[in-house]
């Protein structure tokens, strides 16, 4: 796969024609994209019923020094019991083999318990979200879905990934961030149709 067709670090925006209800109006950050397939995290589906501190306690982690409330999101339908922490990193920080995967110069995804323990001790990254589950595609599957007009692609936007809504109702957040992602492309949702072309 050449660099031009690699979508790692880009965001997918579900088209109105998306037939899978799990991805209706979804915005997905692509964390990995190669000839072997793709993996991403939905960033606009809040799990209001899941509290980060309660999750730490369930995992046996003492959350006594937790200083920030990490948003919890539905990351996708695959392995919904597995957690993925999306967080910012210093661009000059070296790549470390610690269960973290760089998605861009200043963004990483970590899957180890260590980062949860860091949050509990009040020393985790300052900007982070926890996604439960992920979205996955087999070899060539994502490319085929894009060609079939299932997704638009856009550059990453940290406000869409990490930003909180003034109204925390999950459905409103879901719509707001989907519309904000389309706006980055200069697209009005009302002008989209199931047969629209690619941006």
N, C-alpha and C. Protein backbone atom coordinates (compact mmCIF):
# COMPACT_ATOMS: atom_id res chain seq x y z
N UNK A 1 0.85 -1.19 0.00
CA UNK A 1 0.00 0.00 0.00
C UNK A 1 0.89 1.24 0.00
N UNK A 2 0.62 2.18 -0.90
CA UNK A 2 1.43 3.39 -0.92
C UNK A 2 0.90 4.39 0.09
N UNK A 3 1.75 5.39 0.41
CA UNK A 3 1.41 6.37 1.44
C UNK A 3 0.15 7.14 1.10
N UNK A 4 -0.09 7.39 -0.17
CA UNK A 4 -1.25 8.19 -0.57
C UNK A 4 -2.57 7.48 -0.26
N UNK A 5 -2.57 6.16 -0.30
CA UNK A 5 -3.82 5.43 -0.06
C UNK A 5 -3.96 4.94 1.38
N UNK A 6 -2.94 5.18 2.20
CA UNK A 6 -3.00 4.76 3.60
C UNK A 6 -3.82 5.78 4.40
N UNK A 7 -4.85 5.30 5.07
CA UNK A 7 -5.77 6.19 5.79
C UNK A 7 -5.46 6.28 7.29
N UNK A 8 -4.36 5.71 7.74
CA UNK A 8 -4.01 5.80 9.16
C UNK A 8 -3.97 7.26 9.59
N UNK A 9 -4.68 7.58 10.68
CA UNK A 9 -4.72 8.94 11.18
C UNK A 9 -5.81 9.80 10.56
N UNK A 10 -6.52 9.27 9.56
CA UNK A 10 -7.64 10.00 8.96
C UNK A 10 -8.94 9.62 9.67
N UNK A 11 -9.99 10.36 9.41
CA UNK A 11 -11.31 10.04 9.95
C UNK A 11 -12.24 9.62 8.81
N UNK A 12 -13.05 8.61 9.09
CA UNK A 12 -14.12 8.20 8.18
C UNK A 12 -15.42 8.84 8.64
N UNK A 13 -16.24 9.24 7.70
CA UNK A 13 -17.56 9.79 7.99
C UNK A 13 -18.58 8.92 7.27
N UNK A 14 -19.49 8.34 8.03
CA UNK A 14 -20.49 7.47 7.41
C UNK A 14 -21.42 8.28 6.52
N UNK A 15 -21.66 7.76 5.32
CA UNK A 15 -22.62 8.38 4.41
C UNK A 15 -24.04 8.06 4.87
N UNK A 16 -25.02 8.88 4.49
CA UNK A 16 -26.42 8.59 4.87
C UNK A 16 -26.89 7.22 4.37
N UNK A 17 -26.23 6.68 3.35
CA UNK A 17 -26.61 5.38 2.81
C UNK A 17 -26.10 4.21 3.65
N UNK A 18 -25.34 4.49 4.72
CA UNK A 18 -24.78 3.42 5.54
C UNK A 18 -25.89 2.50 6.03
N UNK A 19 -25.81 1.23 5.64
CA UNK A 19 -26.89 0.29 5.96
C UNK A 19 -26.72 -0.39 7.31
N UNK A 20 -25.50 -0.36 7.86
CA UNK A 20 -25.24 -1.00 9.15
C UNK A 20 -25.60 -0.02 10.27
N UNK A 21 -26.64 -0.33 11.08
CA UNK A 21 -27.08 0.62 12.11
C UNK A 21 -26.00 0.92 13.15
N UNK A 22 -25.04 0.03 13.30
CA UNK A 22 -23.96 0.27 14.27
C UNK A 22 -23.07 1.43 13.85
N UNK A 23 -23.10 1.74 12.56
CA UNK A 23 -22.24 2.81 12.04
C UNK A 23 -23.04 3.97 11.45
N UNK A 24 -24.33 4.02 11.71
CA UNK A 24 -25.15 5.13 11.21
C UNK A 24 -24.62 6.44 11.78
N UNK A 25 -24.30 7.38 10.90
CA UNK A 25 -23.76 8.70 11.26
C UNK A 25 -22.53 8.59 12.16
N UNK A 26 -21.73 7.56 11.94
CA UNK A 26 -20.52 7.38 12.74
C UNK A 26 -19.36 8.20 12.18
N UNK A 27 -18.48 8.62 13.08
CA UNK A 27 -17.19 9.19 12.71
C UNK A 27 -16.15 8.27 13.34
N UNK A 28 -15.24 7.76 12.52
CA UNK A 28 -14.28 6.76 12.97
C UNK A 28 -12.86 7.25 12.70
N UNK A 29 -12.02 7.22 13.73
CA UNK A 29 -10.60 7.50 13.54
C UNK A 29 -9.92 6.20 13.13
N UNK A 30 -9.23 6.22 11.99
CA UNK A 30 -8.51 5.04 11.53
C UNK A 30 -7.15 5.00 12.24
N UNK A 31 -6.97 3.95 13.06
CA UNK A 31 -5.74 3.82 13.85
C UNK A 31 -4.67 3.03 13.10
N UNK A 32 -5.09 2.15 12.20
CA UNK A 32 -4.16 1.33 11.44
C UNK A 32 -4.80 0.94 10.11
N UNK A 33 -4.03 1.07 9.02
CA UNK A 33 -4.54 0.72 7.69
C UNK A 33 -3.37 0.17 6.88
N UNK A 34 -3.50 -1.06 6.44
CA UNK A 34 -2.43 -1.68 5.66
C UNK A 34 -3.05 -2.69 4.70
N UNK A 35 -2.20 -3.39 3.97
CA UNK A 35 -2.70 -4.43 3.06
C UNK A 35 -3.39 -5.56 3.81
N UNK A 36 -3.11 -5.69 5.11
CA UNK A 36 -3.72 -6.76 5.92
C UNK A 36 -5.11 -6.38 6.43
N UNK A 37 -5.50 -5.11 6.31
CA UNK A 37 -6.81 -4.68 6.78
C UNK A 37 -6.72 -3.34 7.49
N UNK A 38 -7.77 -3.01 8.23
CA UNK A 38 -7.82 -1.71 8.91
C UNK A 38 -8.50 -1.86 10.25
N UNK A 39 -8.15 -0.95 11.16
CA UNK A 39 -8.74 -0.93 12.49
C UNK A 39 -8.98 0.53 12.86
N UNK A 40 -10.15 0.81 13.45
CA UNK A 40 -10.45 2.18 13.85
C UNK A 40 -11.36 2.22 15.06
N UNK A 41 -11.53 3.42 15.59
CA UNK A 41 -12.36 3.64 16.77
C UNK A 41 -13.43 4.69 16.46
N UNK A 42 -14.68 4.35 16.75
CA UNK A 42 -15.76 5.32 16.63
C UNK A 42 -15.54 6.40 17.69
N UNK A 43 -15.61 7.67 17.32
CA UNK A 43 -15.30 8.75 18.27
C UNK A 43 -16.51 9.60 18.63
N UNK A 44 -17.69 9.26 18.09
CA UNK A 44 -18.85 10.11 18.37
C UNK A 44 -20.02 9.34 18.96
N UNK A 45 -19.74 8.29 19.71
CA UNK A 45 -20.80 7.55 20.40
C UNK A 45 -20.47 7.46 21.89
N UNK A 46 -21.01 8.35 22.67
CA UNK A 46 -20.76 8.34 24.11
C UNK A 46 -21.48 7.16 24.76
N UNK A 47 -20.84 6.56 25.75
CA UNK A 47 -21.47 5.52 26.58
C UNK A 47 -21.79 6.17 27.91
N UNK A 48 -22.92 6.87 27.95
CA UNK A 48 -23.28 7.65 29.13
C UNK A 48 -23.40 6.80 30.39
N UNK A 49 -23.76 5.52 30.20
CA UNK A 49 -24.00 4.66 31.37
C UNK A 49 -22.71 4.11 31.97
N UNK A 50 -21.58 4.32 31.29
CA UNK A 50 -20.30 3.80 31.79
C UNK A 50 -19.48 4.97 32.36
N UNK A 51 -19.15 4.89 33.64
CA UNK A 51 -18.36 5.92 34.31
C UNK A 51 -16.93 5.41 34.44
N UNK A 52 -15.98 6.23 34.01
CA UNK A 52 -14.58 5.82 33.98
C UNK A 52 -14.09 5.36 35.35
N UNK A 53 -14.41 6.12 36.40
CA UNK A 53 -13.95 5.74 37.74
C UNK A 53 -14.52 4.39 38.16
N UNK A 54 -15.80 4.16 37.86
CA UNK A 54 -16.41 2.87 38.19
C UNK A 54 -15.72 1.73 37.44
N UNK A 55 -15.33 2.01 36.19
CA UNK A 55 -14.64 1.00 35.39
C UNK A 55 -13.30 0.64 36.03
N UNK A 56 -12.57 1.64 36.50
CA UNK A 56 -11.30 1.38 37.18
C UNK A 56 -11.51 0.50 38.41
N UNK A 57 -12.53 0.82 39.18
CA UNK A 57 -12.82 0.05 40.41
C UNK A 57 -13.15 -1.40 40.06
N UNK A 58 -13.93 -1.59 38.97
CA UNK A 58 -14.27 -2.95 38.53
C UNK A 58 -13.02 -3.73 38.14
N UNK A 59 -12.00 -3.02 37.66
CA UNK A 59 -10.75 -3.67 37.25
C UNK A 59 -9.79 -3.84 38.43
N UNK A 60 -10.24 -3.45 39.63
CA UNK A 60 -9.39 -3.58 40.81
C UNK A 60 -8.32 -2.52 40.91
N UNK A 61 -8.54 -1.38 40.27
CA UNK A 61 -7.57 -0.28 40.31
C UNK A 61 -8.06 0.77 41.29
N UNK A 62 -7.23 1.14 42.26
CA UNK A 62 -7.58 2.17 43.24
C UNK A 62 -7.62 3.52 42.53
N UNK A 63 -8.81 4.12 42.47
CA UNK A 63 -8.98 5.38 41.74
C UNK A 63 -8.99 6.58 42.67
N UNK A 64 -8.36 6.43 43.83
CA UNK A 64 -8.39 7.49 44.84
C UNK A 64 -7.77 8.80 44.42
N UNK A 65 -6.80 8.75 43.49
CA UNK A 65 -6.12 9.98 43.07
C UNK A 65 -6.51 10.41 41.66
N UNK A 66 -7.58 9.83 41.14
CA UNK A 66 -8.05 10.21 39.80
C UNK A 66 -8.42 11.68 39.79
N UNK A 67 -7.83 12.45 38.89
CA UNK A 67 -8.06 13.90 38.86
C UNK A 67 -8.89 14.36 37.68
N UNK A 68 -9.17 13.47 36.73
CA UNK A 68 -9.98 13.87 35.58
C UNK A 68 -10.94 12.76 35.20
N UNK A 69 -12.08 13.15 34.68
CA UNK A 69 -13.09 12.20 34.25
C UNK A 69 -12.87 11.92 32.77
N UNK A 70 -12.42 10.72 32.45
CA UNK A 70 -12.13 10.36 31.07
C UNK A 70 -13.43 9.95 30.38
N UNK A 71 -13.78 10.57 29.26
CA UNK A 71 -15.00 10.16 28.54
C UNK A 71 -14.88 8.71 28.07
N UNK A 72 -15.99 7.98 28.12
CA UNK A 72 -16.02 6.59 27.65
C UNK A 72 -16.92 6.54 26.43
N UNK A 73 -16.41 5.91 25.35
CA UNK A 73 -17.14 5.86 24.09
C UNK A 73 -17.31 4.43 23.61
N UNK A 74 -18.31 4.23 22.76
CA UNK A 74 -18.46 2.98 22.02
C UNK A 74 -17.46 3.04 20.88
N UNK A 75 -16.43 2.20 20.93
CA UNK A 75 -15.39 2.25 19.90
C UNK A 75 -15.72 1.44 18.67
N UNK A 76 -16.64 0.48 18.82
CA UNK A 76 -17.01 -0.37 17.69
C UNK A 76 -17.52 -1.71 18.18
N UNK A 77 -18.06 -2.51 17.27
CA UNK A 77 -18.72 -3.75 17.67
C UNK A 77 -17.79 -4.94 17.93
N UNK A 78 -16.50 -4.82 17.58
CA UNK A 78 -15.57 -5.93 17.77
C UNK A 78 -14.94 -5.85 19.17
N UNK A 79 -14.94 -6.96 19.89
CA UNK A 79 -14.39 -7.03 21.24
C UNK A 79 -14.86 -5.87 22.12
N UNK A 80 -16.17 -5.76 22.35
CA UNK A 80 -16.70 -4.62 23.11
C UNK A 80 -16.25 -4.55 24.56
N UNK A 81 -15.67 -5.63 25.08
CA UNK A 81 -15.16 -5.61 26.45
C UNK A 81 -13.70 -5.15 26.54
N UNK A 82 -13.09 -4.87 25.41
CA UNK A 82 -11.69 -4.46 25.40
C UNK A 82 -11.59 -2.95 25.31
N UNK A 83 -10.68 -2.37 26.10
CA UNK A 83 -10.54 -0.91 26.13
C UNK A 83 -9.34 -0.41 25.35
N UNK A 84 -9.54 0.73 24.69
CA UNK A 84 -8.49 1.39 23.91
C UNK A 84 -8.47 2.85 24.35
N UNK A 85 -7.33 3.31 24.83
CA UNK A 85 -7.20 4.71 25.25
C UNK A 85 -6.56 5.50 24.13
N UNK A 86 -7.32 6.47 23.60
CA UNK A 86 -6.77 7.43 22.63
C UNK A 86 -6.27 8.62 23.43
N UNK A 87 -5.04 9.04 23.16
CA UNK A 87 -4.51 10.15 23.95
C UNK A 87 -3.45 10.91 23.16
N UNK A 88 -3.26 12.14 23.54
CA UNK A 88 -2.23 12.96 22.91
C UNK A 88 -0.87 12.62 23.52
N UNK A 89 0.16 12.83 22.72
CA UNK A 89 1.54 12.66 23.17
C UNK A 89 2.35 13.83 22.63
N UNK A 90 3.46 14.12 23.29
CA UNK A 90 4.34 15.17 22.78
C UNK A 90 4.95 14.72 21.46
N UNK A 91 4.91 15.59 20.47
CA UNK A 91 5.39 15.22 19.13
C UNK A 91 6.85 14.77 19.16
N UNK A 92 7.63 15.34 20.09
CA UNK A 92 9.05 14.99 20.15
C UNK A 92 9.32 13.75 20.99
N UNK A 93 8.29 13.22 21.65
CA UNK A 93 8.48 12.03 22.49
C UNK A 93 8.85 10.84 21.62
N UNK A 94 9.81 10.02 22.06
CA UNK A 94 10.21 8.86 21.26
C UNK A 94 9.11 7.80 21.25
N UNK A 95 9.06 7.05 20.17
CA UNK A 95 8.14 5.91 20.08
C UNK A 95 8.58 4.85 21.08
N UNK A 96 7.65 4.37 21.91
CA UNK A 96 8.00 3.39 22.92
C UNK A 96 7.25 2.09 22.68
N UNK A 97 7.89 0.99 23.01
CA UNK A 97 7.27 -0.32 22.88
C UNK A 97 6.60 -0.68 24.20
N UNK A 98 5.52 0.03 24.51
CA UNK A 98 4.87 -0.13 25.82
C UNK A 98 3.38 -0.40 25.67
N UNK A 99 2.99 -1.00 24.55
CA UNK A 99 1.56 -1.22 24.32
C UNK A 99 0.89 -0.04 23.67
N UNK A 100 1.69 0.98 23.29
CA UNK A 100 1.15 2.16 22.61
C UNK A 100 1.46 2.09 21.12
N UNK A 101 0.56 2.61 20.33
CA UNK A 101 0.76 2.69 18.89
C UNK A 101 0.56 4.12 18.45
N UNK A 102 1.57 4.70 17.83
CA UNK A 102 1.45 6.07 17.32
C UNK A 102 0.50 6.08 16.13
N UNK A 103 -0.42 7.03 16.15
CA UNK A 103 -1.35 7.21 15.03
C UNK A 103 -0.93 8.42 14.21
N UNK A 104 -0.26 9.32 14.84
CA UNK A 104 0.28 10.52 14.20
C UNK A 104 1.41 11.02 15.08
N UNK A 105 1.98 12.16 14.74
CA UNK A 105 3.09 12.68 15.53
C UNK A 105 2.69 12.95 16.97
N UNK A 106 1.43 13.36 17.18
CA UNK A 106 1.01 13.78 18.52
C UNK A 106 -0.19 13.00 19.05
N UNK A 107 -0.43 11.80 18.51
CA UNK A 107 -1.58 11.00 18.95
C UNK A 107 -1.17 9.54 19.03
N UNK A 108 -1.67 8.86 20.06
CA UNK A 108 -1.36 7.44 20.23
C UNK A 108 -2.57 6.71 20.77
N UNK A 109 -2.54 5.39 20.61
CA UNK A 109 -3.56 4.52 21.18
C UNK A 109 -2.83 3.52 22.07
N UNK A 110 -3.29 3.38 23.32
CA UNK A 110 -2.65 2.49 24.27
C UNK A 110 -3.68 1.49 24.78
N UNK A 111 -3.25 0.23 24.90
CA UNK A 111 -4.17 -0.83 25.30
C UNK A 111 -3.76 -1.52 26.60
N UNK A 112 -2.72 -1.02 27.27
CA UNK A 112 -2.24 -1.69 28.47
C UNK A 112 -2.92 -1.14 29.73
N UNK A 113 -2.92 -1.96 30.75
CA UNK A 113 -3.47 -1.58 32.05
C UNK A 113 -2.68 -0.42 32.68
N UNK A 114 -1.39 -0.32 32.31
CA UNK A 114 -0.52 0.70 32.91
C UNK A 114 -1.10 2.10 32.78
N UNK A 115 -1.66 2.40 31.60
CA UNK A 115 -2.16 3.76 31.40
C UNK A 115 -3.37 4.04 32.28
N UNK A 116 -4.19 3.01 32.53
CA UNK A 116 -5.33 3.18 33.43
C UNK A 116 -4.85 3.43 34.86
N UNK A 117 -3.80 2.73 35.25
CA UNK A 117 -3.22 2.94 36.58
C UNK A 117 -2.62 4.34 36.69
N UNK A 118 -2.02 4.83 35.59
CA UNK A 118 -1.49 6.20 35.58
C UNK A 118 -2.60 7.22 35.81
N UNK A 119 -3.75 7.03 35.13
CA UNK A 119 -4.88 7.94 35.35
C UNK A 119 -5.32 7.89 36.81
N UNK A 120 -5.41 6.69 37.36
CA UNK A 120 -5.86 6.53 38.74
C UNK A 120 -4.93 7.24 39.72
N UNK A 121 -3.64 7.34 39.35
CA UNK A 121 -2.65 8.01 40.19
C UNK A 121 -2.54 9.50 39.87
N UNK A 122 -3.39 9.98 38.95
CA UNK A 122 -3.38 11.40 38.61
C UNK A 122 -2.26 11.83 37.71
N UNK A 123 -1.66 10.88 36.95
CA UNK A 123 -0.52 11.25 36.12
C UNK A 123 -0.66 10.78 34.66
N UNK A 124 -1.86 10.53 34.23
CA UNK A 124 -2.08 10.11 32.85
C UNK A 124 -2.04 11.29 31.90
N UNK A 125 -2.14 11.01 30.59
CA UNK A 125 -2.18 12.10 29.61
C UNK A 125 -3.32 13.08 29.90
N UNK A 126 -3.12 14.33 29.58
CA UNK A 126 -4.12 15.36 29.89
C UNK A 126 -5.31 15.33 28.94
N UNK A 127 -5.13 14.79 27.76
CA UNK A 127 -6.20 14.71 26.78
C UNK A 127 -6.37 13.27 26.36
N UNK A 128 -7.53 12.67 26.71
CA UNK A 128 -7.71 11.25 26.45
C UNK A 128 -9.19 10.88 26.44
N UNK A 129 -9.50 9.80 25.73
CA UNK A 129 -10.82 9.16 25.80
C UNK A 129 -10.58 7.65 25.84
N UNK A 130 -11.51 6.93 26.45
CA UNK A 130 -11.47 5.48 26.47
C UNK A 130 -12.56 4.95 25.57
N UNK A 131 -12.16 4.12 24.61
CA UNK A 131 -13.14 3.50 23.70
C UNK A 131 -13.24 2.02 24.04
N UNK A 132 -14.47 1.52 24.13
CA UNK A 132 -14.70 0.10 24.37
C UNK A 132 -15.10 -0.55 23.05
N UNK A 133 -14.29 -1.52 22.60
CA UNK A 133 -14.52 -2.15 21.32
C UNK A 133 -13.87 -1.36 20.20
N UNK A 134 -13.88 -1.96 19.01
CA UNK A 134 -13.29 -1.28 17.84
C UNK A 134 -14.00 -1.72 16.57
N UNK A 135 -13.70 -1.03 15.50
CA UNK A 135 -14.21 -1.39 14.16
C UNK A 135 -13.06 -2.00 13.37
N UNK A 136 -13.32 -3.11 12.71
CA UNK A 136 -12.26 -3.77 11.97
C UNK A 136 -12.70 -4.14 10.55
N UNK A 137 -11.72 -4.16 9.64
CA UNK A 137 -11.97 -4.52 8.25
C UNK A 137 -10.89 -5.50 7.80
N UNK A 138 -11.25 -6.47 7.00
CA UNK A 138 -10.29 -7.40 6.43
C UNK A 138 -9.54 -6.77 5.27
N UNK A 139 -8.61 -7.52 4.66
CA UNK A 139 -7.83 -6.98 3.54
C UNK A 139 -8.72 -6.43 2.42
N UNK A 140 -8.50 -5.17 2.08
CA UNK A 140 -9.23 -4.54 0.98
C UNK A 140 -10.68 -4.17 1.29
N UNK A 141 -11.21 -4.59 2.44
CA UNK A 141 -12.63 -4.37 2.73
C UNK A 141 -12.98 -2.89 2.88
N UNK A 142 -12.15 -2.16 3.63
CA UNK A 142 -12.43 -0.73 3.82
C UNK A 142 -12.35 0.01 2.49
N UNK A 143 -11.35 -0.30 1.69
CA UNK A 143 -11.19 0.35 0.39
C UNK A 143 -12.43 0.10 -0.48
N UNK A 144 -12.95 -1.14 -0.42
CA UNK A 144 -14.15 -1.47 -1.19
C UNK A 144 -15.36 -0.68 -0.70
N UNK A 145 -15.48 -0.53 0.63
CA UNK A 145 -16.61 0.22 1.19
C UNK A 145 -16.56 1.69 0.80
N UNK A 146 -15.34 2.24 0.75
CA UNK A 146 -15.19 3.64 0.34
C UNK A 146 -15.56 3.78 -1.14
N UNK A 147 -15.10 2.86 -1.96
CA UNK A 147 -15.43 2.89 -3.39
C UNK A 147 -16.93 2.71 -3.63
N UNK A 148 -17.60 1.99 -2.72
CA UNK A 148 -19.05 1.77 -2.84
C UNK A 148 -19.84 2.92 -2.21
N UNK A 149 -19.14 4.01 -1.87
CA UNK A 149 -19.80 5.20 -1.36
C UNK A 149 -20.36 5.04 0.06
N UNK A 150 -19.70 4.19 0.86
CA UNK A 150 -20.14 4.03 2.25
C UNK A 150 -19.55 5.07 3.19
N UNK A 151 -18.37 5.59 2.82
CA UNK A 151 -17.65 6.51 3.71
C UNK A 151 -17.04 7.67 2.93
N UNK A 152 -16.94 8.80 3.60
CA UNK A 152 -16.10 9.91 3.17
C UNK A 152 -14.88 9.92 4.08
N UNK A 153 -13.78 10.49 3.64
CA UNK A 153 -12.59 10.60 4.47
C UNK A 153 -12.22 12.07 4.66
N UNK A 154 -11.67 12.36 5.83
CA UNK A 154 -11.30 13.74 6.16
C UNK A 154 -10.11 13.69 7.12
N UNK A 155 -9.34 14.77 7.16
CA UNK A 155 -8.22 14.84 8.09
C UNK A 155 -8.73 14.81 9.53
N UNK A 156 -7.89 14.29 10.38
CA UNK A 156 -8.20 14.18 11.81
C UNK A 156 -8.47 15.55 12.43
N UNK A 157 -9.38 15.57 13.40
CA UNK A 157 -9.71 16.80 14.13
C UNK A 157 -9.81 16.44 15.61
N UNK A 158 -8.88 16.95 16.42
CA UNK A 158 -8.87 16.59 17.84
C UNK A 158 -10.10 17.06 18.59
N UNK A 159 -10.72 18.14 18.14
CA UNK A 159 -11.94 18.60 18.82
C UNK A 159 -13.07 17.59 18.62
N UNK A 160 -13.13 17.00 17.45
CA UNK A 160 -14.15 15.97 17.20
C UNK A 160 -13.82 14.71 18.00
N UNK A 161 -12.55 14.36 18.07
CA UNK A 161 -12.14 13.15 18.79
C UNK A 161 -12.33 13.30 20.29
N UNK A 162 -11.83 14.40 20.85
CA UNK A 162 -11.78 14.54 22.30
C UNK A 162 -12.82 15.47 22.89
N UNK A 163 -13.41 16.34 22.05
CA UNK A 163 -14.28 17.38 22.57
C UNK A 163 -15.54 16.85 23.22
N UNK A 164 -15.97 17.54 24.23
CA UNK A 164 -17.24 17.23 24.89
C UNK A 164 -18.32 18.15 24.36
N UNK A 165 -19.54 17.69 24.48
CA UNK A 165 -20.67 18.48 24.02
C UNK A 165 -21.27 19.27 25.18
N UNK A 166 -21.85 20.42 24.88
CA UNK A 166 -22.57 21.16 25.92
C UNK A 166 -23.78 20.36 26.39
N UNK A 167 -24.46 19.74 25.44
CA UNK A 167 -25.56 18.83 25.76
C UNK A 167 -25.00 17.42 25.65
N UNK A 168 -24.97 16.69 26.74
CA UNK A 168 -24.29 15.39 26.74
C UNK A 168 -25.17 14.25 26.27
N UNK A 169 -26.38 14.53 25.80
CA UNK A 169 -27.21 13.45 25.28
C UNK A 169 -26.47 12.76 24.14
N UNK A 170 -26.34 11.44 24.25
CA UNK A 170 -25.51 10.70 23.29
C UNK A 170 -25.96 10.91 21.86
N UNK A 171 -27.27 10.93 21.62
CA UNK A 171 -27.77 11.07 20.25
C UNK A 171 -27.38 12.43 19.68
N UNK A 172 -27.42 13.47 20.52
CA UNK A 172 -27.08 14.81 20.02
C UNK A 172 -25.58 14.91 19.75
N UNK A 173 -24.76 14.29 20.61
CA UNK A 173 -23.32 14.30 20.38
C UNK A 173 -23.00 13.59 19.07
N UNK A 174 -23.65 12.48 18.89
CA UNK A 174 -23.48 11.65 17.69
C UNK A 174 -23.75 12.48 16.44
N UNK A 175 -24.85 13.22 16.43
CA UNK A 175 -25.19 14.04 15.27
C UNK A 175 -24.26 15.24 15.12
N UNK A 176 -23.96 15.89 16.25
CA UNK A 176 -23.16 17.12 16.20
C UNK A 176 -21.78 16.83 15.61
N UNK A 177 -21.13 15.78 16.07
CA UNK A 177 -19.78 15.49 15.59
C UNK A 177 -19.79 14.99 14.15
N UNK A 178 -20.82 14.27 13.78
CA UNK A 178 -20.95 13.83 12.39
C UNK A 178 -21.07 15.06 11.48
N UNK A 179 -21.91 16.02 11.88
CA UNK A 179 -22.08 17.24 11.09
C UNK A 179 -20.80 18.07 11.08
N UNK A 180 -20.09 18.11 12.22
CA UNK A 180 -18.83 18.87 12.28
C UNK A 180 -17.78 18.26 11.36
N UNK A 181 -17.74 16.92 11.28
CA UNK A 181 -16.79 16.26 10.39
C UNK A 181 -17.12 16.57 8.93
N UNK A 182 -18.41 16.54 8.59
CA UNK A 182 -18.82 16.89 7.22
C UNK A 182 -18.47 18.35 6.91
N UNK A 183 -18.63 19.22 7.90
CA UNK A 183 -18.32 20.63 7.69
C UNK A 183 -16.85 20.84 7.35
N UNK A 184 -15.97 19.98 7.87
CA UNK A 184 -14.54 20.09 7.53
C UNK A 184 -14.32 19.89 6.03
N UNK A 185 -15.23 19.15 5.40
CA UNK A 185 -15.15 18.94 3.96
C UNK A 185 -15.95 19.98 3.19
N UNK A 186 -16.63 20.87 3.92
CA UNK A 186 -17.49 21.86 3.26
C UNK A 186 -18.78 21.24 2.76
N UNK A 187 -19.22 20.14 3.42
CA UNK A 187 -20.40 19.42 2.97
C UNK A 187 -21.56 19.68 3.93
N UNK A 188 -22.72 20.04 3.37
CA UNK A 188 -23.95 20.17 4.15
C UNK A 188 -24.66 18.83 4.15
N UNK A 189 -24.97 18.27 5.33
CA UNK A 189 -25.63 16.95 5.36
C UNK A 189 -26.90 16.89 4.52
N UNK A 190 -27.59 18.02 4.39
CA UNK A 190 -28.85 18.03 3.64
C UNK A 190 -28.63 17.82 2.14
N UNK A 191 -27.39 18.08 1.68
CA UNK A 191 -27.12 17.91 0.26
C UNK A 191 -26.66 16.51 -0.09
N UNK A 192 -26.40 15.69 0.93
CA UNK A 192 -25.94 14.33 0.67
C UNK A 192 -27.11 13.43 0.34
N UNK A 193 -26.87 12.52 -0.59
CA UNK A 193 -27.88 11.52 -0.90
C UNK A 193 -27.16 10.18 -1.00
N UNK A 194 -27.90 9.08 -0.97
CA UNK A 194 -27.23 7.78 -1.06
C UNK A 194 -26.40 7.61 -2.32
N UNK A 195 -26.66 8.40 -3.35
CA UNK A 195 -25.91 8.26 -4.60
C UNK A 195 -24.87 9.36 -4.78
N UNK A 196 -24.58 10.10 -3.70
CA UNK A 196 -23.61 11.19 -3.83
C UNK A 196 -22.24 10.66 -4.16
N UNK A 197 -21.41 11.51 -4.78
CA UNK A 197 -20.06 11.12 -5.14
C UNK A 197 -19.10 11.24 -3.98
N UNK A 198 -17.84 10.98 -4.23
CA UNK A 198 -16.81 11.03 -3.19
C UNK A 198 -16.22 12.42 -3.12
N UNK A 199 -15.95 12.86 -1.89
CA UNK A 199 -15.31 14.15 -1.71
C UNK A 199 -13.80 13.98 -1.76
